[in-house]
Protein backbone atom coordinates (compact mmCIF):
# COMPACT_ATOMS: atom_id res chain seq x y z
CA UNK A 1 -76.38 250.73 191.95
CA UNK A 2 -76.82 253.71 194.25
CA UNK A 3 -74.01 254.50 196.64
CA UNK A 4 -76.09 256.66 199.02
CA UNK A 5 -72.87 257.67 200.68
CA UNK A 6 -69.76 259.59 199.81
CA UNK A 7 -66.54 259.06 197.93
CA UNK A 8 -63.44 261.23 197.92
CA UNK A 9 -60.45 261.69 195.65
CA UNK A 10 -57.44 263.83 196.50
CA UNK A 11 -55.44 265.08 193.53
CA UNK A 12 -52.47 267.39 193.14
CA UNK A 13 -52.70 270.73 191.35
CA UNK A 14 -51.17 269.28 188.17
CA UNK A 15 -52.91 268.96 184.81
CA UNK A 16 -51.72 265.35 184.56
CA UNK A 17 -54.14 264.59 187.43
CA UNK A 18 -57.14 265.31 185.15
CA UNK A 19 -56.74 261.83 183.65
CA UNK A 20 -57.03 260.23 187.08
CA UNK A 21 -60.04 262.44 187.85
CA UNK A 22 -61.73 261.42 184.57
CA UNK A 23 -61.20 257.71 185.29
CA UNK A 24 -62.62 258.14 188.81
CA UNK A 25 -65.68 259.96 187.46
CA UNK A 26 -66.28 257.28 184.81
CA UNK A 27 -66.11 254.53 187.43
CA UNK A 28 -68.48 256.33 189.79
CA UNK A 29 -70.89 257.20 186.97
CA UNK A 30 -71.18 253.52 186.07
CA UNK A 31 -71.56 252.44 189.71
CA UNK A 32 -74.33 255.00 190.30
CA UNK A 33 -76.10 254.14 187.04
CA UNK A 34 -76.08 257.74 185.81
CA UNK A 35 -77.76 258.48 182.52
CA UNK A 36 -75.37 259.13 179.64
CA UNK A 37 -76.20 262.83 179.75
CA UNK A 38 -75.76 263.07 183.53
CA UNK A 39 -72.40 261.24 183.32
CA UNK A 40 -71.26 263.67 180.61
CA UNK A 41 -72.34 266.66 182.73
CA UNK A 42 -70.65 265.19 185.83
CA UNK A 43 -67.35 264.71 183.96
CA UNK A 44 -67.46 268.06 182.15
CA UNK A 45 -68.34 270.06 185.26
CA UNK A 46 -65.56 268.48 187.30
CA UNK A 47 -62.98 268.88 184.55
CA UNK A 48 -63.84 272.56 184.06
CA UNK A 49 -63.90 273.39 187.77
CA UNK A 50 -60.68 271.52 188.57
CA UNK A 51 -58.92 272.99 185.52
CA UNK A 52 -59.79 276.47 186.81
CA UNK A 53 -58.43 275.61 190.25
CA UNK A 54 -55.18 274.27 188.78
CA UNK A 55 -54.86 277.24 186.42
CA UNK A 56 -55.71 280.14 188.71
CA UNK A 57 -55.83 279.25 192.42
CA UNK A 58 -52.13 279.19 193.15
CA UNK A 59 -49.48 281.84 192.61
CA UNK A 60 -46.53 279.45 192.57
CA UNK A 61 -45.80 276.00 191.21
CA UNK A 62 -45.67 274.43 194.67
CA UNK A 63 -47.70 271.28 195.12
CA UNK A 64 -51.16 271.62 196.62
CA UNK A 65 -53.94 269.12 197.17
CA UNK A 66 -57.42 269.47 195.74
CA UNK A 67 -60.11 267.43 197.44
CA UNK A 68 -62.94 266.17 195.25
CA UNK A 69 -65.78 264.84 197.37
CA UNK A 70 -68.86 263.20 195.93
CA UNK A 71 -72.05 262.75 197.88
CA UNK A 72 -74.54 260.36 196.31
CA UNK A 73 -78.11 261.41 197.02
CA UNK A 74 -81.30 259.70 195.87
CA UNK A 75 -81.81 261.83 192.75
CA UNK A 76 -78.64 263.89 192.52
CA UNK A 77 -74.88 263.90 192.76
CA UNK A 78 -73.39 266.55 195.04
CA UNK A 79 -69.81 267.54 194.29
CA UNK A 80 -67.61 269.41 196.73
CA UNK A 81 -64.31 270.84 195.54
CA UNK A 82 -61.99 272.00 198.30
CA UNK A 83 -58.73 273.81 197.64
CA UNK A 84 -56.37 276.02 199.63
CA UNK A 85 -55.79 278.50 196.81
CA UNK A 86 -56.52 282.20 196.73
CA UNK A 87 -60.06 283.00 197.91
CA UNK A 88 -62.23 283.07 194.79
CA UNK A 89 -65.98 282.72 194.39
CA UNK A 90 -66.56 281.57 190.81
CA UNK A 91 -70.29 282.13 191.18
CA UNK A 92 -69.82 285.91 191.27
CA UNK A 93 -68.15 286.03 187.85
CA UNK A 94 -70.34 287.87 185.38
CA UNK A 95 -71.41 285.89 182.35
CA UNK A 96 -69.53 287.22 179.36
CA UNK A 97 -71.21 287.94 176.08
CA UNK A 98 -70.05 285.62 173.36
CA UNK A 99 -70.37 286.17 169.67
CA UNK A 100 -72.49 283.77 167.64
CA UNK A 101 -70.25 284.52 164.66
CA UNK A 102 -67.52 281.90 164.28
CA UNK A 103 -65.25 284.53 162.70
CA UNK A 104 -65.21 286.68 165.84
CA UNK A 105 -65.87 284.22 168.67
CA UNK A 106 -63.27 284.42 171.41
CA UNK A 107 -61.52 281.33 172.71
CA UNK A 108 -62.01 280.80 176.43
CA UNK A 109 -64.45 282.11 178.98
CA UNK A 110 -66.92 279.25 178.66
CA UNK A 111 -65.88 277.05 181.60
CA UNK A 112 -67.75 278.74 184.44
CA UNK A 113 -70.77 279.22 182.22
CA UNK A 114 -70.78 275.47 181.47
CA UNK A 115 -70.51 274.68 185.18
CA UNK A 116 -73.48 276.92 185.98
CA UNK A 117 -75.59 275.59 183.11
CA UNK A 118 -74.95 271.90 183.73
CA UNK A 119 -75.64 271.95 187.46
CA UNK A 120 -78.93 272.18 189.31
CA UNK A 121 -77.46 274.32 192.08
CA UNK A 122 -74.17 275.86 193.13
CA UNK A 123 -72.83 277.32 196.37
CA UNK A 124 -69.50 278.66 197.53
CA UNK A 125 -67.91 279.61 200.81
CA UNK A 126 -64.44 280.24 202.14
CA UNK A 127 -63.60 278.61 205.46
CA UNK A 128 -60.38 277.97 207.38
CA UNK A 129 -58.20 278.94 204.39
CA UNK A 130 -60.13 276.80 201.91
CA UNK A 131 -62.36 277.51 198.94
CA UNK A 132 -65.34 275.17 199.06
CA UNK A 133 -67.42 274.93 195.91
CA UNK A 134 -70.53 272.74 196.07
CA UNK A 135 -72.29 271.71 192.87
CA UNK A 136 -75.39 269.55 192.44
CA UNK A 137 -76.10 267.56 189.29
CA UNK A 138 -79.32 265.69 188.63
CA UNK A 139 -78.77 261.94 188.15
CA UNK A 140 -81.18 261.87 185.23
CA UNK A 141 -79.96 265.16 183.89
CA UNK A 142 -82.47 266.54 181.47
CA UNK A 143 -81.09 270.07 181.77
CA UNK A 144 -80.88 271.41 178.26
CA UNK A 145 -77.80 273.39 177.51
CA UNK A 146 -78.46 277.11 177.55
CA UNK A 147 -74.77 277.79 176.93
CA UNK A 148 -74.86 278.00 173.17
CA UNK A 149 -78.28 279.52 172.73
CA UNK A 150 -78.61 283.16 171.82
């Protein structure tokens, strides 16, 4: 079933909210009839992006809302993440070199690279005190992962 509309979820900047986000994504993936690969990309991209917002956007532990908006298009899913954290454009972060040697590989630094590799397009802007990250995922995602290739 295609929604051809939009859905929105508002979560707090707490890691416990990732479970609620995951359940929402699973429900929407089923309703939209996403391929298994596209549903995996949708879930992974949102979890990585929201985890980064929760981890780095706010300087204190005060409660903030993160808006997750989904726009269902004919052949893609458009995700908008809106937060009132520190201005930060994740698309300007340089891709870090990662070792292919398991003995020396560093933990971390893969999240933004995964987001970029599993989305068809990305855009960012800062407006009225809000970071707005827009990501597009193909519904029949056949994007091969370039993340782990050398």
